[in-house]
Amino acid sequence: MTPPRRLALAVATISLAALSTACGAVGQAVDCNTAVNELSKITTEWSGAITKNATDTAALGDASKAAAAKTKELAGKYDGDVAAALNDFAAGFESLESGDISKATEFSGKMSGFTSKITAACS
């Protein structure tokens, strides 16, 4: 499996599994379920875009730029820790905008930190 495919799989698995269970509390002040669902859509679109042609670094850069913009827009709908966590996630996508495959490993390593921040913000 090529690095972008592994990265896409890691993103999809981590974000869907960790995030979807983190924000189910009734009476939550921030609608974390909505934020998580939107972020899941963004990561799924990103994952699909980069796995179409795993060797296309331009596709990685374009998909990452789009995902960063969408994640920042989503962060703008929230305050406090949720917004901060989403902005961190967006910064992770931004780190891949150059299409540099070597940055993918770094991004993958930061995934658990991004999801932990969102989980904590939604608890």
C-alpha atoms as a PDB file:
ATOM      1  CA  MET A   1       0.000   0.000   0.000  1.00  0.00           C
ATOM      2  CA  THR A   2       1.438   3.383  -0.955  1.00  0.00           C
ATOM      3  CA  PRO A   3       2.009   6.099   1.679  1.00  0.00           C
ATOM      4  CA  PRO A   4      -0.981   8.281   0.658  1.00  0.00           C
ATOM      5  CA  ARG A   5      -3.313   5.272   0.818  1.00  0.00           C
ATOM      6  CA  ARG A   6      -2.027   4.327   4.253  1.00  0.00           C
ATOM      7  CA  LEU A   7      -2.387   7.907   5.392  1.00  0.00           C
ATOM      8  CA  ALA A   8      -5.912   8.174   4.007  1.00  0.00           C
ATOM      9  CA  LEU A   9      -6.887   4.947   5.723  1.00  0.00           C
ATOM     10  CA  ALA A  10      -5.408   6.150   9.010  1.00  0.00           C
ATOM     11  CA  VAL A  11      -7.250   9.465   8.795  1.00  0.00           C
ATOM     12  CA  ALA A  12     -10.562   7.848   7.984  1.00  0.00           C
ATOM     13  CA  THR A  13     -10.223   5.194  10.667  1.00  0.00           C
ATOM     14  CA  ILE A  14      -9.085   7.518  13.426  1.00  0.00           C
ATOM     15  CA  SER A  15     -11.500  10.326  12.714  1.00  0.00           C
ATOM     16  CA  LEU A  16     -14.552   8.137  12.300  1.00  0.00           C
ATOM     17  CA  ALA A  17     -13.898   5.802  15.203  1.00  0.00           C
ATOM     18  CA  ALA A  18     -12.484   8.175  17.801  1.00  0.00           C
ATOM     19  CA  LEU A  19     -14.580  11.202  17.020  1.00  0.00           C
ATOM     20  CA  SER A  20     -17.967   9.645  16.523  1.00  0.00           C
ATOM     21  CA  THR A  21     -17.960   8.163  20.006  1.00  0.00           C
ATOM     22  CA  ALA A  22     -16.546  11.225  21.754  1.00  0.00           C
ATOM     23  CA  CYS A  23     -19.366  13.671  21.333  1.00  0.00           C
ATOM     24  CA  GLY A  24     -22.548  11.853  22.187  1.00  0.00           C
ATOM     25  CA  ALA A  25     -23.279  13.474  25.559  1.00  0.00           C
ATOM     26  CA  VAL A  26     -26.839  14.706  25.954  1.00  0.00           C
ATOM     27  CA  GLY A  27     -27.145  18.399  26.716  1.00  0.00           C
ATOM     28  CA  GLN A  28     -23.732  19.197  25.279  1.00  0.00           C
ATOM     29  CA  ALA A  29     -23.221  22.972  25.090  1.00  0.00           C
ATOM     30  CA  VAL A  30     -21.504  22.686  21.725  1.00  0.00           C
ATOM     31  CA  ASP A  31     -23.062  20.481  19.084  1.00  0.00           C
ATOM     32  CA  CYS A  32     -20.057  18.224  18.752  1.00  0.00           C
ATOM     33  CA  ASN A  33     -21.953  15.642  16.740  1.00  0.00           C
ATOM     34  CA  THR A  34     -22.421  18.175  13.951  1.00  0.00           C
ATOM     35  CA  ALA A  35     -18.750  19.176  14.051  1.00  0.00           C
ATOM     36  CA  VAL A  36     -17.637  15.547  13.987  1.00  0.00           C
ATOM     37  CA  ASN A  37     -19.993  14.648  11.148  1.00  0.00           C
ATOM     38  CA  GLU A  38     -18.755  17.578   9.071  1.00  0.00           C
ATOM     39  CA  LEU A  39     -15.118  16.749   9.812  1.00  0.00           C
ATOM     40  CA  SER A  40     -15.772  13.135   8.851  1.00  0.00           C
ATOM     41  CA  LYS A  41     -17.173  14.303   5.503  1.00  0.00           C
ATOM     42  CA  ILE A  42     -14.103  16.464   4.934  1.00  0.00           C
ATOM     43  CA  THR A  43     -11.675  13.652   5.740  1.00  0.00           C
ATOM     44  CA  THR A  44     -13.642  11.186   3.599  1.00  0.00           C
ATOM     45  CA  GLU A  45     -13.537  13.563   0.616  1.00  0.00           C
ATOM     46  CA  TRP A  46      -9.827  14.141   1.199  1.00  0.00           C
ATOM     47  CA  SER A  47      -9.153  10.424   1.499  1.00  0.00           C
ATOM     48  CA  GLY A  48     -11.037   9.667  -1.709  1.00  0.00           C
ATOM     49  CA  ALA A  49      -9.199  12.381  -3.605  1.00  0.00           C
ATOM     50  CA  ILE A  50      -5.723  11.223  -2.643  1.00  0.00           C
ATOM     51  CA  THR A  51      -6.356   7.523  -3.145  1.00  0.00           C
ATOM     52  CA  LYS A  52      -7.592   7.923  -6.734  1.00  0.00           C
ATOM     53  CA  ASN A  53      -3.977   8.234  -7.836  1.00  0.00           C
ATOM     54  CA  ALA A  54      -1.671   7.493  -4.944  1.00  0.00           C
ATOM     55  CA  THR A  55       1.447   8.645  -6.787  1.00  0.00           C
ATOM     56  CA  ASP A  56       0.034  12.035  -7.804  1.00  0.00           C
ATOM     57  CA  THR A  57       1.635  14.534  -5.430  1.00  0.00           C
ATOM     58  CA  ALA A  58      -0.391  17.364  -6.994  1.00  0.00           C
ATOM     59  CA  ALA A  59      -3.587  15.524  -6.016  1.00  0.00           C
ATOM     60  CA  LEU A  60      -2.312  15.257  -2.439  1.00  0.00           C
ATOM     61  CA  GLY A  61      -1.562  18.974  -2.379  1.00  0.00           C
ATOM     62  CA  ASP A  62      -4.876  20.007  -3.951  1.00  0.00           C
ATOM     63  CA  ALA A  63      -6.953  17.721  -1.745  1.00  0.00           C
ATOM     64  CA  SER A  64      -5.093  18.878   1.365  1.00  0.00           C
ATOM     65  CA  LYS A  65      -5.579  22.543   0.472  1.00  0.00           C
ATOM     66  CA  ALA A  66      -9.313  21.994  -0.006  1.00  0.00           C
ATOM     67  CA  ALA A  67      -9.589  20.005   3.234  1.00  0.00           C
ATOM     68  CA  ALA A  68      -7.700  22.702   5.167  1.00  0.00           C
ATOM     69  CA  ALA A  69     -10.015  25.420   3.853  1.00  0.00           C
ATOM     70  CA  LYS A  70     -13.150  23.424   4.675  1.00  0.00           C
ATOM     71  CA  THR A  71     -11.859  22.554   8.144  1.00  0.00           C
ATOM     72  CA  LYS A  72     -11.031  26.217   8.859  1.00  0.00           C
ATOM     73  CA  GLU A  73     -14.496  27.213   7.698  1.00  0.00           C
ATOM     74  CA  LEU A  74     -15.972  24.590  10.023  1.00  0.00           C
ATOM     75  CA  ALA A  75     -13.806  25.864  12.910  1.00  0.00           C
ATOM     76  CA  GLY A  76     -15.240  29.331  12.351  1.00  0.00           C
ATOM     77  CA  LYS A  77     -18.650  28.027  13.400  1.00  0.00           C
ATOM     78  CA  TYR A  78     -17.402  27.078  16.869  1.00  0.00           C
ATOM     79  CA  ASP A  79     -15.700  28.697  19.832  1.00  0.00           C
ATOM     80  CA  GLY A  80     -13.117  27.694  22.368  1.00  0.00           C
ATOM     81  CA  ASP A  81     -11.570  24.259  22.448  1.00  0.00           C
ATOM     82  CA  VAL A  82     -13.622  22.845  19.564  1.00  0.00           C
ATOM     83  CA  ALA A  83     -12.525  25.675  17.264  1.00  0.00           C
ATOM     84  CA  ALA A  84      -8.915  25.308  18.413  1.00  0.00           C
ATOM     85  CA  ALA A  85      -8.949  21.558  17.786  1.00  0.00           C
ATOM     86  CA  LEU A  86     -10.467  22.017  14.324  1.00  0.00           C
ATOM     87  CA  ASN A  87      -7.911  24.717  13.492  1.00  0.00           C
ATOM     88  CA  ASP A  88      -5.120  22.334  14.534  1.00  0.00           C
ATOM     89  CA  PHE A  89      -6.604  19.710  12.229  1.00  0.00           C
ATOM     90  CA  ALA A  90      -6.696  22.301   9.421  1.00  0.00           C
ATOM     91  CA  ALA A  91      -3.039  23.116  10.057  1.00  0.00           C
ATOM     92  CA  GLY A  92      -2.278  19.421   9.652  1.00  0.00           C
ATOM     93  CA  PHE A  93      -3.932  19.439   6.247  1.00  0.00           C
ATOM     94  CA  GLU A  94      -2.032  22.631   5.369  1.00  0.00           C
ATOM     95  CA  SER A  95       1.245  20.845   6.067  1.00  0.00           C
ATOM     96  CA  LEU A  96       0.437  18.585   3.101  1.00  0.00           C
ATOM     97  CA  GLU A  97      -0.447  21.335   0.623  1.00  0.00           C
ATOM     98  CA  SER A  98       2.979  21.131  -1.001  1.00  0.00           C
ATOM     99  CA  GLY A  99       2.225  17.547  -2.003  1.00  0.00           C
ATOM    100  CA  ASP A 100       5.343  16.388  -0.175  1.00  0.00           C
ATOM    101  CA  ILE A 101       4.793  12.721   0.627  1.00  0.00           C
ATOM    102  CA  SER A 102       7.378  12.865   3.435  1.00  0.00           C
ATOM    103  CA  LYS A 103       5.082  15.264   5.316  1.00  0.00           C
ATOM    104  CA  ALA A 104       2.378  12.590   5.211  1.00  0.00           C
ATOM    105  CA  THR A 105       4.192  10.535   7.843  1.00  0.00           C
ATOM    106  CA  GLU A 106       4.430  13.549  10.126  1.00  0.00           C
ATOM    107  CA  PHE A 107       0.731  14.293   9.623  1.00  0.00           C
ATOM    108  CA  SER A 108      -0.163  10.682  10.336  1.00  0.00           C
ATOM    109  CA  GLY A 109       1.815  10.815  13.578  1.00  0.00           C
ATOM    110  CA  LYS A 110      -0.113  13.891  14.695  1.00  0.00           C
ATOM    111  CA  MET A 111      -3.545  12.388  13.988  1.00  0.00           C
ATOM    112  CA  SER A 112      -4.058  10.997  17.481  1.00  0.00           C
ATOM    113  CA  GLY A 113      -3.221  14.406  18.950  1.00  0.00           C
ATOM    114  CA  PHE A 114      -5.808  16.107  16.727  1.00  0.00           C
ATOM    115  CA  THR A 115      -8.486  13.602  17.632  1.00  0.00           C
ATOM    116  CA  SER A 116      -7.571  13.758  21.327  1.00  0.00           C
ATOM    117  CA  LYS A 117      -8.062  17.544  21.300  1.00  0.00           C
ATOM    118  CA  ILE A 118     -11.461  17.242  19.644  1.00  0.00           C
ATOM    119  CA  THR A 119     -12.447  14.446  22.018  1.00  0.00           C
ATOM    120  CA  ALA A 120     -11.419  16.541  25.032  1.00  0.00           C
ATOM    121  CA  ALA A 121     -13.248  19.593  23.697  1.00  0.00           C
ATOM    122  CA  CYS A 122     -16.418  17.565  23.291  1.00  0.00           C
ATOM    123  CA  SER A 123     -16.300  15.868  26.677  1.00  0.00           C
END
